[in-house]
C-alpha atoms as a PDB file:
ATOM      1  CA  ALA A   1      -8.910 -18.232  15.685  1.00  0.00           C
ATOM      2  CA  LEU A   2      -8.817 -15.268  18.067  1.00  0.00           C
ATOM      3  CA  SER A   3     -11.804 -12.891  18.206  1.00  0.00           C
ATOM      4  CA  SER A   4     -10.839  -9.239  16.941  1.00  0.00           C
ATOM      5  CA  ASP A   5     -11.079  -7.837  20.204  1.00  0.00           C
ATOM      6  CA  ASP A   6      -8.504 -10.692  21.615  1.00  0.00           C
ATOM      7  CA  LEU A   7      -6.268 -10.305  18.641  1.00  0.00           C
ATOM      8  CA  PHE A   8      -5.995  -6.492  18.822  1.00  0.00           C
ATOM      9  CA  ALA A   9      -5.339  -6.675  22.587  1.00  0.00           C
ATOM     10  CA  ARG A  10      -2.727  -9.400  22.103  1.00  0.00           C
ATOM     11  CA  VAL A  11      -0.862  -7.429  19.229  1.00  0.00           C
ATOM     12  CA  ARG A  12      -1.174  -3.965  20.477  1.00  0.00           C
ATOM     13  CA  PRO A  13       1.920  -4.071  22.557  1.00  0.00           C
ATOM     14  CA  HIS A  14       3.858  -5.021  19.351  1.00  0.00           C
ATOM     15  CA  LEU A  15       1.998  -2.454  17.131  1.00  0.00           C
ATOM     16  CA  GLU A  16       3.157   0.333  19.834  1.00  0.00           C
ATOM     17  CA  ARG A  17       6.809  -0.989  19.385  1.00  0.00           C
ATOM     18  CA  VAL A  18       6.686  -0.872  15.746  1.00  0.00           C
ATOM     19  CA  ALA A  19       4.767   2.539  15.907  1.00  0.00           C
ATOM     20  CA  GLY A  20       7.159   4.194  18.499  1.00  0.00           C
ATOM     21  CA  GLY A  21       3.993   5.143  20.548  1.00  0.00           C
ATOM     22  CA  PRO A  22       0.415   4.493  21.315  1.00  0.00           C
ATOM     23  CA  VAL A  23      -1.717   2.769  18.929  1.00  0.00           C
ATOM     24  CA  GLU A  24      -5.333   3.793  18.334  1.00  0.00           C
ATOM     25  CA  ASP A  25      -8.089   1.308  17.766  1.00  0.00           C
ATOM     26  CA  SER A  26      -9.664   1.928  14.484  1.00  0.00           C
ATOM     27  CA  PRO A  27     -11.848  -0.049  11.706  1.00  0.00           C
ATOM     28  CA  SER A  28      -9.156  -0.116   9.050  1.00  0.00           C
ATOM     29  CA  LEU A  29      -6.525  -1.244  11.845  1.00  0.00           C
ATOM     30  CA  ARG A  30      -8.896  -4.004  12.711  1.00  0.00           C
ATOM     31  CA  LYS A  31      -9.565  -4.885   9.062  1.00  0.00           C
ATOM     32  CA  LEU A  32      -5.618  -5.041   8.479  1.00  0.00           C
ATOM     33  CA  LEU A  33      -5.109  -7.226  11.281  1.00  0.00           C
ATOM     34  CA  ASP A  34      -7.728  -9.722  10.040  1.00  0.00           C
ATOM     35  CA  LEU A  35      -6.014  -9.481   6.438  1.00  0.00           C
ATOM     36  CA  LEU A  36      -2.354 -10.335   8.152  1.00  0.00           C
ATOM     37  CA  ARG A  37      -4.031 -13.307  10.064  1.00  0.00           C
ATOM     38  CA  GLU A  38      -2.946 -15.887   7.507  1.00  0.00           C
ATOM     39  CA  ARG A  39       0.180 -14.147   6.385  1.00  0.00           C
ATOM     40  CA  SER A  40       1.494 -13.914  10.023  1.00  0.00           C
ATOM     41  CA  SER A  41       3.035 -16.675  12.197  1.00  0.00           C
ATOM     42  CA  THR A  42       3.466 -14.667  15.227  1.00  0.00           C
ATOM     43  CA  LEU A  43       2.158 -11.350  16.690  1.00  0.00           C
ATOM     44  CA  VAL A  44       5.498  -9.848  16.390  1.00  0.00           C
ATOM     45  CA  GLU A  45       5.416 -10.661  12.798  1.00  0.00           C
ATOM     46  CA  MET A  46       1.881  -9.362  12.226  1.00  0.00           C
ATOM     47  CA  ALA A  47       3.162  -6.207  13.918  1.00  0.00           C
ATOM     48  CA  ASP A  48       5.985  -5.761  11.523  1.00  0.00           C
ATOM     49  CA  LEU A  49       3.781  -6.527   8.596  1.00  0.00           C
ATOM     50  CA  ALA A  50       1.417  -3.760   9.796  1.00  0.00           C
ATOM     51  CA  ARG A  51       4.402  -1.165   9.815  1.00  0.00           C
ATOM     52  CA  TRP A  52       3.101   0.787   6.758  1.00  0.00           C
ATOM     53  CA  GLN A  53      -0.364   1.254   8.564  1.00  0.00           C
ATOM     54  CA  LEU A  54       1.459   2.694  11.559  1.00  0.00           C
ATOM     55  CA  HIS A  55       3.502   5.266  10.018  1.00  0.00           C
ATOM     56  CA  ASP A  56       2.877   8.182   7.626  1.00  0.00           C
ATOM     57  CA  GLU A  57       6.091   8.299   6.233  1.00  0.00           C
ATOM     58  CA  LEU A  58       7.085   4.900   4.431  1.00  0.00           C
ATOM     59  CA  GLU A  59      10.412   3.272   4.628  1.00  0.00           C
ATOM     60  CA  TYR A  60      10.924   1.936   1.040  1.00  0.00           C
ATOM     61  CA  ASP A  61      12.235  -1.353   0.477  1.00  0.00           C
ATOM     62  CA  GLU A  62      15.284  -0.408  -2.080  1.00  0.00           C
ATOM     63  CA  LYS A  63      15.138  -3.785  -4.045  1.00  0.00           C
ATOM     64  CA  ALA A  64      11.301  -3.433  -4.821  1.00  0.00           C
ATOM     65  CA  VAL A  65      11.797   0.362  -5.724  1.00  0.00           C
ATOM     66  CA  LYS A  66      14.516  -0.553  -8.298  1.00  0.00           C
ATOM     67  CA  LYS A  67      12.475  -3.316  -9.516  1.00  0.00           C
ATOM     68  CA  HIS A  68       8.735  -1.565  -9.457  1.00  0.00           C
ATOM     69  CA  LEU A  69       9.242   2.077  -9.211  1.00  0.00           C
ATOM     70  CA  ARG A  70      11.093   2.666 -12.594  1.00  0.00           C
ATOM     71  CA  PRO A  71      10.256   5.357 -15.300  1.00  0.00           C
ATOM     72  CA  VAL A  72       7.601   3.021 -17.144  1.00  0.00           C
ATOM     73  CA  ALA A  73       5.715   2.810 -14.005  1.00  0.00           C
ATOM     74  CA  GLN A  74       5.189   6.812 -13.808  1.00  0.00           C
ATOM     75  CA  PRO A  75       2.510   6.916 -16.377  1.00  0.00           C
ATOM     76  CA  LEU A  76       0.740   3.849 -14.773  1.00  0.00           C
ATOM     77  CA  LEU A  77       0.877   5.647 -11.195  1.00  0.00           C
ATOM     78  CA  GLU A  78      -0.243   8.784 -12.700  1.00  0.00           C
ATOM     79  CA  SER A  79      -3.092   7.150 -14.352  1.00  0.00           C
ATOM     80  CA  VAL A  80      -4.078   5.313 -11.195  1.00  0.00           C
ATOM     81  CA  GLN A  81      -3.868   8.520  -9.037  1.00  0.00           C
ATOM     82  CA  THR A  82      -6.306  10.427 -11.465  1.00  0.00           C
ATOM     83  CA  ALA A  83      -9.015   7.863 -11.405  1.00  0.00           C
ATOM     84  CA  MET A  84      -8.647   7.610  -7.780  1.00  0.00           C
ATOM     85  CA  GLN A  85      -9.270  11.050  -7.335  1.00  0.00           C
ATOM     86  CA  GLY A  86     -12.473  10.944  -9.036  1.00  0.00           C
ATOM     87  CA  LEU A  87     -13.626   7.561  -7.674  1.00  0.00           C
ATOM     88  CA  PRO A  88     -17.260   7.699  -6.092  1.00  0.00           C
ATOM     89  CA  GLU A  89     -16.679   5.037  -3.571  1.00  0.00           C
ATOM     90  CA  TRP A  90     -13.510   3.814  -1.814  1.00  0.00           C
ATOM     91  CA  ASN A  91     -13.965   0.408  -1.459  1.00  0.00           C
ATOM     92  CA  GLU A  92     -12.494  -3.090  -2.821  1.00  0.00           C
ATOM     93  CA  ALA A  93     -15.132  -3.238  -5.382  1.00  0.00           C
ATOM     94  CA  SER A  94     -14.712   0.043  -6.858  1.00  0.00           C
ATOM     95  CA  LEU A  95     -10.807  -0.137  -6.697  1.00  0.00           C
ATOM     96  CA  THR A  96     -11.262  -3.412  -8.564  1.00  0.00           C
ATOM     97  CA  THR A  97     -12.921  -1.726 -11.273  1.00  0.00           C
ATOM     98  CA  LEU A  98     -10.707   1.139 -11.483  1.00  0.00           C
ATOM     99  CA  PHE A  99      -7.460  -1.040 -11.810  1.00  0.00           C
ATOM    100  CA  ASN A 100      -9.250  -3.047 -14.602  1.00  0.00           C
ATOM    101  CA  GLU A 101     -10.081   0.141 -16.468  1.00  0.00           C
ATOM    102  CA  VAL A 102      -6.592   1.436 -15.865  1.00  0.00           C
ATOM    103  CA  ALA A 103      -4.963  -1.442 -17.158  1.00  0.00           C
ATOM    104  CA  GLU A 104      -7.291  -1.490 -20.352  1.00  0.00           C
ATOM    105  CA  THR A 105      -6.094   2.181 -21.008  1.00  0.00           C
ATOM    106  CA  HIS A 106      -2.704   1.163 -21.102  1.00  0.00           C
ATOM    107  CA  GLY A 107      -2.942  -1.659 -23.551  1.00  0.00           C
ATOM    108  CA  GLY A 108      -4.612  -4.152 -21.526  1.00  0.00           C
ATOM    109  CA  ILE A 109      -1.364  -4.924 -19.329  1.00  0.00           C
ATOM    110  CA  LYS A 110      -1.640  -7.593 -16.818  1.00  0.00           C
ATOM    111  CA  LEU A 111      -2.925  -6.565 -13.207  1.00  0.00           C
ATOM    112  CA  GLY A 112       0.550  -7.406 -11.615  1.00  0.00           C
ATOM    113  CA  LYS A 113       2.383  -4.694 -13.870  1.00  0.00           C
ATOM    114  CA  LEU A 114      -0.206  -2.213 -12.340  1.00  0.00           C
ATOM    115  CA  ALA A 115      -0.620  -3.549  -8.888  1.00  0.00           C
ATOM    116  CA  GLN A 116       3.136  -3.843  -8.156  1.00  0.00           C
ATOM    117  CA  PRO A 117       4.099  -0.314  -8.584  1.00  0.00           C
ATOM    118  CA  VAL A 118       0.908   0.787  -6.756  1.00  0.00           C
ATOM    119  CA  ARG A 119       1.774  -1.851  -3.808  1.00  0.00           C
ATOM    120  CA  VAL A 120       5.343  -0.286  -3.360  1.00  0.00           C
ATOM    121  CA  ALA A 121       4.017   3.160  -3.578  1.00  0.00           C
ATOM    122  CA  VAL A 122       1.638   2.824  -0.790  1.00  0.00           C
ATOM    123  CA  THR A 123       3.201   0.420   1.421  1.00  0.00           C
ATOM    124  CA  GLY A 124       6.782   0.561   0.614  1.00  0.00           C
ATOM    125  CA  GLY A 125       7.314  -2.933  -0.182  1.00  0.00           C
ATOM    126  CA  PRO A 126       6.496  -5.857  -2.456  1.00  0.00           C
ATOM    127  CA  ASN A 127       4.283  -7.699   0.070  1.00  0.00           C
ATOM    128  CA  SER A 128       0.839  -6.840   1.433  1.00  0.00           C
ATOM    129  CA  PRO A 129      -2.744  -8.056   1.394  1.00  0.00           C
ATOM    130  CA  GLY A 130      -4.342  -7.950  -1.900  1.00  0.00           C
ATOM    131  CA  ILE A 131      -3.815  -4.551  -3.451  1.00  0.00           C
ATOM    132  CA  PHE A 132      -7.543  -3.514  -3.207  1.00  0.00           C
ATOM    133  CA  GLU A 133      -7.973  -4.372   0.273  1.00  0.00           C
ATOM    134  CA  THR A 134      -4.773  -2.835   1.012  1.00  0.00           C
ATOM    135  CA  LEU A 135      -5.942   0.543  -0.443  1.00  0.00           C
ATOM    136  CA  GLU A 136      -9.342   0.243   1.118  1.00  0.00           C
ATOM    137  CA  VAL A 137      -7.506  -0.165   4.562  1.00  0.00           C
ATOM    138  CA  ILE A 138      -4.987   2.927   3.761  1.00  0.00           C
ATOM    139  CA  GLY A 139      -7.801   5.241   2.682  1.00  0.00           C
ATOM    140  CA  ARG A 140      -8.228   7.471  -0.166  1.00  0.00           C
ATOM    141  CA  GLU A 141      -5.935  10.579   1.092  1.00  0.00           C
ATOM    142  CA  ARG A 142      -3.181   8.602   2.502  1.00  0.00           C
ATOM    143  CA  SER A 143      -3.193   6.570  -0.770  1.00  0.00           C
ATOM    144  CA  LEU A 144      -3.012   9.600  -2.942  1.00  0.00           C
ATOM    145  CA  ARG A 145      -0.290  11.183  -0.901  1.00  0.00           C
ATOM    146  CA  ARG A 146       1.823   7.957  -1.026  1.00  0.00           C
ATOM    147  CA  ILE A 147       1.238   7.471  -4.757  1.00  0.00           C
ATOM    148  CA  GLU A 148       2.314  11.326  -5.565  1.00  0.00           C
ATOM    149  CA  LYS A 149       5.389  10.798  -3.230  1.00  0.00           C
ATOM    150  CA  ALA A 150       6.180   7.647  -5.357  1.00  0.00           C
ATOM    151  CA  ILE A 151       5.722   9.382  -8.802  1.00  0.00           C
ATOM    152  CA  GLU A 152       8.065  12.259  -7.264  1.00  0.00           C
ATOM    153  CA  LEU A 153      10.602   9.342  -6.307  1.00  0.00           C
ATOM    154  CA  VAL A 154      10.356   7.931  -9.970  1.00  0.00           C
ATOM    155  CA  GLN A 155      11.138  11.249 -11.394  1.00  0.00           C
ATOM    156  CA  ALA A 156      13.898  12.198  -9.168  1.00  0.00           C
ATOM    157  CA  ARG A 157      15.661   8.608  -9.559  1.00  0.00           C
ATOM    158  CA  ASN A 158      15.093   9.217 -13.305  1.00  0.00           C
ATOM    159  CA  GLU A 159      16.403  12.747 -13.322  1.00  0.00           C
ATOM    160  CA  SER A 160      19.605  11.432 -11.222  1.00  0.00           C
ATOM    161  CA  ALA A 161      20.136   8.649 -13.661  1.00  0.00           C
ATOM    162  CA  GLN A 162      20.027  10.594 -16.810  1.00  0.00           C
ATOM    163  CA  ALA A 163      22.515  13.147 -15.137  1.00  0.00           C
ATOM    164  CA  ASP A 164      24.968  10.476 -14.400  1.00  0.00           C
END
């Protein structure tokens, strides 16, 4: 029920603990905090849930990687990455359309089969606000870099498994 300003002021010390330094106020961080209101019981929990927005390098949840960043996810991630590069507007509505189109090109797969690998790629774990809101908050360039890194991770894990 706190105003956006009050919420940011109260959670900022916790965000700075998670970030390991000063945290700048920004519209994307404010939007993320609003998205995390219902998912958080405490300000400490809210800051921990925002970890993927506060660091450029992700800490991957190993269980989520094993489950969602498997070789079968690589073509999905590559299709999303390619489609994102040409997306004229980076917002929730255009990202929703993009995901629906990519799902159709992959035989009409269910959205979760597409969203979960992307979620793990951009947040490092299996939980976040809705994938479209999450991508909007992260931004195009950062999302594309993280998806590229996830594709490389899938490839490396696949090569390692084949070598064993």
